[in-house]
Amino acid sequence: MSENLKNILEEWKGLEEEYQQLQETHRMYLKKLDELSKLQNNCSSSISRQRTRLKEISQLVKKSSKGSSEEDARILDEIKEKIKIRPNAFFQMEAFLPKKNSLYLSLVLGNVNVTLFNKQSKFAYKDEYEKFKLCLTVLLLLFSFICYFFVSYRFSDVILNFLLVWYYCTLTIRESILITNGSRIKGWWVFHHYISAVLSSVMLTWPEGNLYHMFRNQFLAYSLYQSFVQCLQCYYQSGCLYRLRALGERHNMDLTVEGFQSWMWKGLTFLLPFLFFGHFWQLFNGLSLFRMAQLPECKEWQVPVCGLCFLILFAGNFFTTVAVVRQKLKTRNQKPKSL
């Protein structure tokens, strides 16, 4: 037997041993995967049963509270406090269990499971989302600046509006996946991106004409300012969330979503003038478009639809910001009383 054939046989023998180990490892993997699936189903079923029984116990506690003695009332109050915190525990558990996709994700992705099953994957996806948002915001800032000051071609405007449509549509999908994995994005901040995606789509279809050019510079200036404010928000919120997480005062999957969610941030007044100015600019854009829609030469349906979108954005942003500021002031006034 030649030397080369001996070497080949030795290599093949080593490869065969590795292959046998691979088969055994894969067999164990499939077994653990089946066990994992059964555990996930058991946990989901147990959580559903717990929720049902929790509602029943809550009703019993309410009935028993009437006419109870002082000692019984104290015990019932303790049970009520434990009942209040139980839903949050269920929420934390479900963040690591497969769940049915929302209607939006079902329409976009189908029934693909988007649940991430470990903290490292969740945090990696969250960080990638925040980097994506910051990078696209900077890109939109630069592109708006170029279109406003240097380029006045319709083709460049189409590229900008297409980027806006793609940006907001992508955000809605990514945020829906983050919500499925335990992020607490809710309320107006979810709906905001849907309206922004519709607005950008309508702007993309607005045909060339006098009315379009009448509104073009106003819209580009608004886009430039909005991107600038969003950059400030991303930078400011990232620092605040980092400090709050380090202190253990925020959930690790909380995000730097547009707007602010916590009244605990110091220096909030720095952002308020920029935010309110942007909100009233949205109102000004909406009113300008509705005045434009009343002109005899206005034939484009895009004019009133864009105006309506701007008014919805103004109303949602303004009243949500006012509500958060009001809550901040209320919390600040309550602090001296508790000392």
Protein backbone atom coordinates (compact mmCIF):
# COMPACT_ATOMS: atom_id res chain seq x y z
CA MET A 1 0.00 0.00 0.00
CA SER A 2 1.43 3.33 -1.03
CA GLU A 3 2.17 6.11 1.45
CA ASN A 4 -0.41 8.43 -0.11
CA LEU A 5 -3.17 5.81 0.23
CA LYS A 6 -2.24 5.29 3.90
CA ASN A 7 -2.58 9.03 4.53
CA ILE A 8 -5.93 9.08 2.75
CA LEU A 9 -7.21 6.15 4.82
CA GLU A 10 -6.09 7.81 8.04
CA GLU A 11 -7.83 11.06 7.06
CA TRP A 12 -10.96 9.12 6.12
CA LYS A 13 -10.93 7.22 9.43
CA GLY A 14 -10.67 10.48 11.36
CA LEU A 15 -13.47 11.97 9.25
CA GLU A 16 -15.67 8.92 9.90
CA GLU A 17 -15.17 9.28 13.67
CA GLU A 18 -16.11 12.96 13.52
CA TYR A 19 -19.16 12.06 11.43
CA GLN A 20 -20.30 9.52 14.02
CA GLN A 21 -19.92 12.17 16.74
CA LEU A 22 -21.87 14.63 14.57
CA GLN A 23 -24.71 12.13 14.14
CA GLU A 24 -24.87 11.55 17.89
CA THR A 25 -24.79 15.28 18.62
CA HIS A 26 -27.55 15.93 16.09
CA ARG A 27 -29.63 13.14 17.57
CA MET A 28 -29.28 14.69 21.02
CA TYR A 29 -30.13 18.09 19.55
CA LEU A 30 -33.38 16.79 18.05
CA LYS A 31 -34.24 15.12 21.35
CA LYS A 32 -33.62 18.33 23.33
CA LEU A 33 -35.56 20.30 20.73
CA ASP A 34 -38.55 18.02 21.21
CA GLU A 35 -38.25 18.36 24.98
CA LEU A 36 -38.00 22.14 24.61
CA SER A 37 -41.16 22.22 22.51
CA LYS A 38 -43.06 20.21 25.13
CA LEU A 39 -41.83 22.51 27.92
CA GLN A 40 -42.89 25.58 25.95
CA ASN A 41 -46.38 24.16 25.44
CA ASN A 42 -46.64 23.24 29.12
CA CYS A 43 -45.57 26.74 30.21
CA SER A 44 -48.02 28.44 27.83
CA SER A 45 -50.87 26.21 29.05
CA SER A 46 -49.96 26.84 32.69
CA ILE A 47 -49.91 30.61 32.16
CA SER A 48 -53.36 30.49 30.54
CA ARG A 49 -54.72 28.48 33.47
CA GLN A 50 -53.10 30.83 35.96
CA ARG A 51 -54.70 33.84 34.29
CA THR A 52 -58.14 32.23 34.39
CA ARG A 53 -57.82 31.26 38.05
CA LEU A 54 -56.40 34.69 38.88
CA LYS A 55 -59.56 36.33 37.54
CA GLU A 56 -61.71 33.98 39.58
CA ILE A 57 -59.74 34.68 42.76
CA SER A 58 -59.90 38.44 42.10
CA GLN A 59 -63.68 38.27 41.97
CA LEU A 60 -63.78 36.24 45.19
CA VAL A 61 -61.51 38.75 46.93
CA LYS A 62 -63.77 41.64 45.88
CA LYS A 63 -66.84 39.86 47.24
CA SER A 64 -65.09 38.92 50.49
CA SER A 65 -63.82 42.48 51.07
CA LYS A 66 -67.32 43.70 51.92
CA GLY A 67 -68.02 43.48 55.62
CA SER A 68 -64.78 41.66 56.48
CA SER A 69 -63.00 42.07 59.81
CA GLU A 70 -59.82 44.11 60.20
CA GLU A 71 -57.61 41.03 60.22
CA ASP A 72 -59.35 39.54 57.18
CA ALA A 73 -59.14 42.88 55.36
CA ARG A 74 -55.37 42.99 55.92
CA ILE A 75 -54.93 39.50 54.48
CA LEU A 76 -57.15 40.33 51.51
CA ASP A 77 -55.12 43.49 50.83
CA GLU A 78 -51.94 41.40 50.74
CA ILE A 79 -53.56 39.04 48.24
CA LYS A 80 -54.67 42.03 46.10
CA GLU A 81 -51.11 43.36 46.00
CA LYS A 82 -49.79 40.00 44.87
CA ILE A 83 -52.51 39.75 42.22
CA LYS A 84 -51.48 43.16 40.83
CA ILE A 85 -47.87 42.11 40.22
CA ARG A 86 -48.68 38.69 38.80
CA PRO A 87 -49.54 39.90 35.22
CA ASN A 88 -46.10 41.49 34.92
CA ALA A 89 -44.52 38.14 35.85
CA PHE A 90 -46.60 36.44 33.16
CA PHE A 91 -45.45 39.09 30.67
CA GLN A 92 -41.80 38.37 31.49
CA MET A 93 -42.35 34.62 31.08
CA GLU A 94 -44.17 34.95 27.76
CA ALA A 95 -41.31 37.01 26.34
CA PHE A 96 -39.36 33.71 26.09
CA LEU A 97 -42.22 31.55 24.85
CA PRO A 98 -43.54 31.14 21.28
CA LYS A 99 -46.65 33.22 20.70
CA LYS A 100 -49.03 33.88 17.86
CA ASN A 101 -47.97 36.75 15.62
CA SER A 102 -49.94 39.98 15.63
CA LEU A 103 -52.28 40.64 12.73
CA TYR A 104 -49.71 42.95 11.11
CA LEU A 105 -46.87 40.41 11.34
CA SER A 106 -49.19 37.64 10.13
CA LEU A 107 -50.03 39.68 7.04
CA VAL A 108 -46.39 40.59 6.35
CA LEU A 109 -44.50 37.45 7.40
CA GLY A 110 -47.18 34.80 7.68
CA ASN A 111 -47.02 32.37 10.62
CA VAL A 112 -43.22 32.44 10.94
CA ASN A 113 -42.17 32.26 14.59
CA VAL A 114 -40.25 35.45 15.43
CA THR A 115 -39.72 34.79 19.15
CA LEU A 116 -36.09 34.96 20.28
CA PHE A 117 -35.49 32.44 23.07
CA ASN A 118 -32.49 33.86 24.94
CA LYS A 119 -31.48 37.24 26.32
CA GLN A 120 -28.36 37.51 24.16
CA SER A 121 -30.40 37.20 20.95
CA LYS A 122 -33.00 39.69 22.19
CA PHE A 123 -30.42 42.28 23.17
CA ALA A 124 -28.47 41.79 19.93
CA TYR A 125 -31.64 42.34 17.88
CA LYS A 126 -32.58 45.37 19.99
CA ASP A 127 -29.14 46.96 19.62
CA GLU A 128 -29.17 46.30 15.88
CA TYR A 129 -32.59 47.99 15.70
CA GLU A 130 -31.31 51.09 17.48
CA LYS A 131 -28.21 51.29 15.27
CA PHE A 132 -30.40 50.89 12.17
CA LYS A 133 -32.68 53.68 13.32
CA LEU A 134 -29.81 56.06 14.09
CA CYS A 135 -27.96 55.35 10.82
CA LEU A 136 -31.10 55.81 8.70
CA THR A 137 -31.97 59.01 10.55
CA VAL A 138 -28.51 60.44 9.78
CA LEU A 139 -28.84 59.33 6.14
CA LEU A 140 -32.26 61.01 5.83
CA LEU A 141 -30.83 64.15 7.44
CA LEU A 142 -28.04 64.34 4.88
CA PHE A 143 -30.31 63.55 1.94
CA SER A 144 -32.89 66.15 3.00
CA PHE A 145 -30.10 68.71 3.31
CA ILE A 146 -28.85 67.93 -0.21
CA CYS A 147 -32.35 68.07 -1.73
CA TYR A 148 -33.19 71.35 -0.01
CA PHE A 149 -29.98 73.29 -0.70
CA PHE A 150 -28.31 71.73 -3.76
CA VAL A 151 -30.62 69.54 -5.85
CA SER A 152 -34.09 70.42 -7.14
CA TYR A 153 -34.83 67.46 -9.38
CA ARG A 154 -37.99 65.41 -9.02
CA PHE A 155 -35.90 62.22 -9.19
CA SER A 156 -34.00 63.15 -6.01
CA ASP A 157 -37.29 63.87 -4.24
CA VAL A 158 -38.58 60.44 -5.29
CA ILE A 159 -35.47 58.79 -3.78
CA LEU A 160 -35.96 60.69 -0.51
CA ASN A 161 -39.64 59.76 -0.26
CA PHE A 162 -38.86 56.14 -1.15
CA LEU A 163 -36.27 56.05 1.64
CA LEU A 164 -38.87 57.45 4.05
CA VAL A 165 -41.42 54.81 3.00
CA TRP A 166 -38.88 51.99 3.34
CA TYR A 167 -37.62 53.37 6.67
CA TYR A 168 -41.03 53.61 8.34
CA CYS A 169 -42.30 50.33 6.92
CA THR A 170 -39.18 48.57 8.16
CA LEU A 171 -39.56 50.19 11.57
CA THR A 172 -43.13 48.92 11.90
CA ILE A 173 -42.01 45.35 11.17
CA ARG A 174 -38.99 45.50 13.47
CA GLU A 175 -40.96 47.08 16.29
CA SER A 176 -43.67 44.42 15.97
CA ILE A 177 -40.98 41.74 16.34
CA LEU A 178 -39.56 43.57 19.37
CA ILE A 179 -43.03 43.78 20.96
CA THR A 180 -43.41 40.03 20.44
CA ASN A 181 -40.11 39.56 22.29
CA GLY A 182 -41.05 41.65 25.33
CA SER A 183 -40.35 45.27 24.41
CA ARG A 184 -42.82 47.71 25.91
CA ILE A 185 -43.51 49.86 22.86
CA LYS A 186 -47.18 50.74 22.94
CA GLY A 187 -49.78 53.42 22.46
CA TRP A 188 -49.18 56.34 20.18
CA TRP A 189 -45.55 55.49 19.41
CA VAL A 190 -46.65 52.35 17.56
CA PHE A 191 -49.39 54.11 15.59
CA HIS A 192 -47.07 57.03 14.76
CA HIS A 193 -44.93 54.99 12.36
CA TYR A 194 -47.97 53.64 10.50
CA ILE A 195 -49.22 57.19 9.85
CA SER A 196 -45.71 58.32 8.85
CA ALA A 197 -45.45 55.41 6.39
CA VAL A 198 -48.82 56.38 4.83
CA LEU A 199 -47.75 60.04 4.60
CA SER A 200 -44.46 59.16 2.90
CA SER A 201 -46.24 56.81 0.48
CA VAL A 202 -48.71 59.51 -0.53
CA MET A 203 -45.90 62.05 -0.97
CA LEU A 204 -44.15 59.53 -3.22
CA THR A 205 -47.19 59.34 -5.53
CA TRP A 206 -47.81 63.12 -5.66
CA PRO A 207 -47.42 64.03 -9.36
CA GLU A 208 -45.23 66.84 -10.67
CA GLY A 209 -47.02 70.19 -10.82
CA ASN A 210 -47.37 73.69 -9.42
CA LEU A 211 -48.96 72.54 -6.19
CA TYR A 212 -46.19 70.04 -5.57
CA HIS A 213 -43.52 72.70 -6.01
CA MET A 214 -45.46 75.08 -3.76
CA PHE A 215 -45.17 72.57 -0.92
CA ARG A 216 -41.81 70.98 -1.81
CA ASN A 217 -39.43 73.29 0.06
CA GLN A 218 -41.70 73.39 3.10
CA PHE A 219 -41.75 69.60 3.25
CA LEU A 220 -37.99 69.26 2.71
CA ALA A 221 -37.29 71.80 5.46
CA TYR A 222 -39.63 69.90 7.77
CA SER A 223 -37.93 66.57 6.93
CA LEU A 224 -34.52 68.14 7.59
CA TYR A 225 -35.63 69.48 10.97
CA GLN A 226 -37.43 66.26 11.93
CA SER A 227 -34.34 64.15 11.19
CA PHE A 228 -32.22 66.54 13.26
CA VAL A 229 -34.59 66.28 16.24
CA GLN A 230 -34.70 62.48 15.95
CA CYS A 231 -30.89 62.39 16.06
CA LEU A 232 -31.00 64.45 19.26
CA GLN A 233 -33.62 62.11 20.70
CA CYS A 234 -31.66 58.95 19.88
CA TYR A 235 -28.49 60.36 21.46
CA TYR A 236 -30.28 61.75 24.53
CA GLN A 237 -32.47 58.72 25.19
CA SER A 238 -29.63 56.24 24.72
CA GLY A 239 -27.65 57.94 27.49
CA CYS A 240 -30.68 58.15 29.80
CA LEU A 241 -31.71 54.53 29.25
CA TYR A 242 -28.12 53.36 29.80
CA ARG A 243 -27.99 55.10 33.19
CA LEU A 244 -31.44 53.87 34.23
CA ARG A 245 -30.63 50.28 33.23
CA ALA A 246 -27.38 50.45 35.18
CA LEU A 247 -29.41 51.52 38.22
CA GLY A 248 -31.90 48.71 37.59
CA GLU A 249 -34.78 51.16 37.09
CA ARG A 250 -35.69 50.18 33.54
CA HIS A 251 -36.43 46.95 31.72
CA ASN A 252 -33.50 45.72 29.60
CA MET A 253 -35.67 45.49 26.48
CA ASP A 254 -36.91 49.09 26.70
CA LEU A 255 -35.98 51.03 23.59
CA THR A 256 -35.05 54.50 22.41
CA VAL A 257 -38.38 54.87 20.63
CA GLU A 258 -39.46 58.19 19.20
CA GLY A 259 -40.64 60.45 21.95
CA PHE A 260 -39.83 59.79 25.58
CA GLN A 261 -41.50 57.26 27.86
CA SER A 262 -40.11 58.00 31.29
CA TRP A 263 -40.67 61.02 33.53
CA MET A 264 -37.51 60.07 35.44
CA TRP A 265 -35.12 61.61 32.92
CA LYS A 266 -33.20 64.65 34.03
CA GLY A 267 -32.83 67.56 31.65
CA LEU A 268 -36.06 66.79 29.79
CA THR A 269 -36.64 70.50 29.25
CA PHE A 270 -33.70 70.53 26.81
CA LEU A 271 -35.71 68.56 24.24
CA LEU A 272 -39.15 70.10 24.82
CA PRO A 273 -38.68 73.28 22.72
CA PHE A 274 -37.44 71.20 19.76
CA LEU A 275 -40.28 68.71 20.13
CA PHE A 276 -43.06 71.28 20.44
CA PHE A 277 -41.69 73.31 17.53
CA GLY A 278 -41.75 70.16 15.38
CA HIS A 279 -45.31 69.39 16.50
CA PHE A 280 -46.58 72.84 15.55
CA TRP A 281 -44.71 72.58 12.25
CA GLN A 282 -46.79 69.48 11.56
CA LEU A 283 -49.93 71.53 12.31
CA PHE A 284 -48.70 74.28 9.98
CA ASN A 285 -48.08 71.71 7.22
CA GLY A 286 -51.57 70.27 7.65
CA LEU A 287 -53.28 73.67 7.54
CA SER A 288 -51.19 74.74 4.51
CA LEU A 289 -52.23 71.62 2.62
CA PHE A 290 -55.92 72.08 3.45
CA ARG A 291 -55.76 75.70 2.24
CA MET A 292 -54.04 74.42 -0.89
CA ALA A 293 -56.82 71.83 -1.39
CA GLN A 294 -59.37 74.67 -1.62
CA LEU A 295 -57.65 76.24 -4.64
CA PRO A 296 -59.58 75.86 -7.93
CA GLU A 297 -56.58 74.29 -9.70
CA CYS A 298 -56.16 71.58 -7.04
CA LYS A 299 -57.02 68.23 -8.65
CA GLU A 300 -54.63 65.93 -6.76
CA TRP A 301 -56.12 63.74 -4.04
CA GLN A 302 -52.71 63.64 -2.38
CA VAL A 303 -53.11 67.20 -1.06
CA PRO A 304 -55.98 66.63 1.43
CA VAL A 305 -54.71 63.14 2.39
CA CYS A 306 -51.26 64.52 3.29
CA GLY A 307 -52.94 67.34 5.19
CA LEU A 308 -54.99 64.85 7.21
CA CYS A 309 -51.87 62.77 7.99
CA PHE A 310 -50.02 65.85 9.26
CA LEU A 311 -52.95 66.82 11.48
CA ILE A 312 -53.13 63.31 12.96
CA LEU A 313 -49.37 63.39 13.62
CA PHE A 314 -49.67 66.78 15.30
CA ALA A 315 -52.59 65.73 17.52
CA GLY A 316 -50.97 62.45 18.59
CA ASN A 317 -47.51 63.92 19.21
CA PHE A 318 -48.74 67.06 20.96
CA PHE A 319 -51.19 65.45 23.37
CA THR A 320 -48.84 62.54 24.14
CA THR A 321 -45.99 64.96 24.90
CA VAL A 322 -48.26 67.10 27.08
CA ALA A 323 -49.43 63.98 28.96
CA VAL A 324 -45.84 62.85 29.63
CA VAL A 325 -44.79 66.33 30.82
CA ARG A 326 -47.86 66.52 33.04
CA GLN A 327 -46.99 63.15 34.55
CA LYS A 328 -43.41 64.30 35.12
CA LEU A 329 -44.57 67.42 36.96
CA LYS A 330 -47.04 65.40 39.02
CA THR A 331 -44.32 62.94 40.05
CA ARG A 332 -41.93 65.78 40.91
CA ASN A 333 -44.56 67.45 43.13
CA GLN A 334 -45.23 64.19 44.96
CA LYS A 335 -41.57 63.59 45.85
CA PRO A 336 -41.29 66.20 48.68
CA LYS A 337 -44.48 64.79 50.30
CA SER A 338 -43.00 61.31 50.52
CA LEU A 339 -39.87 62.50 52.33
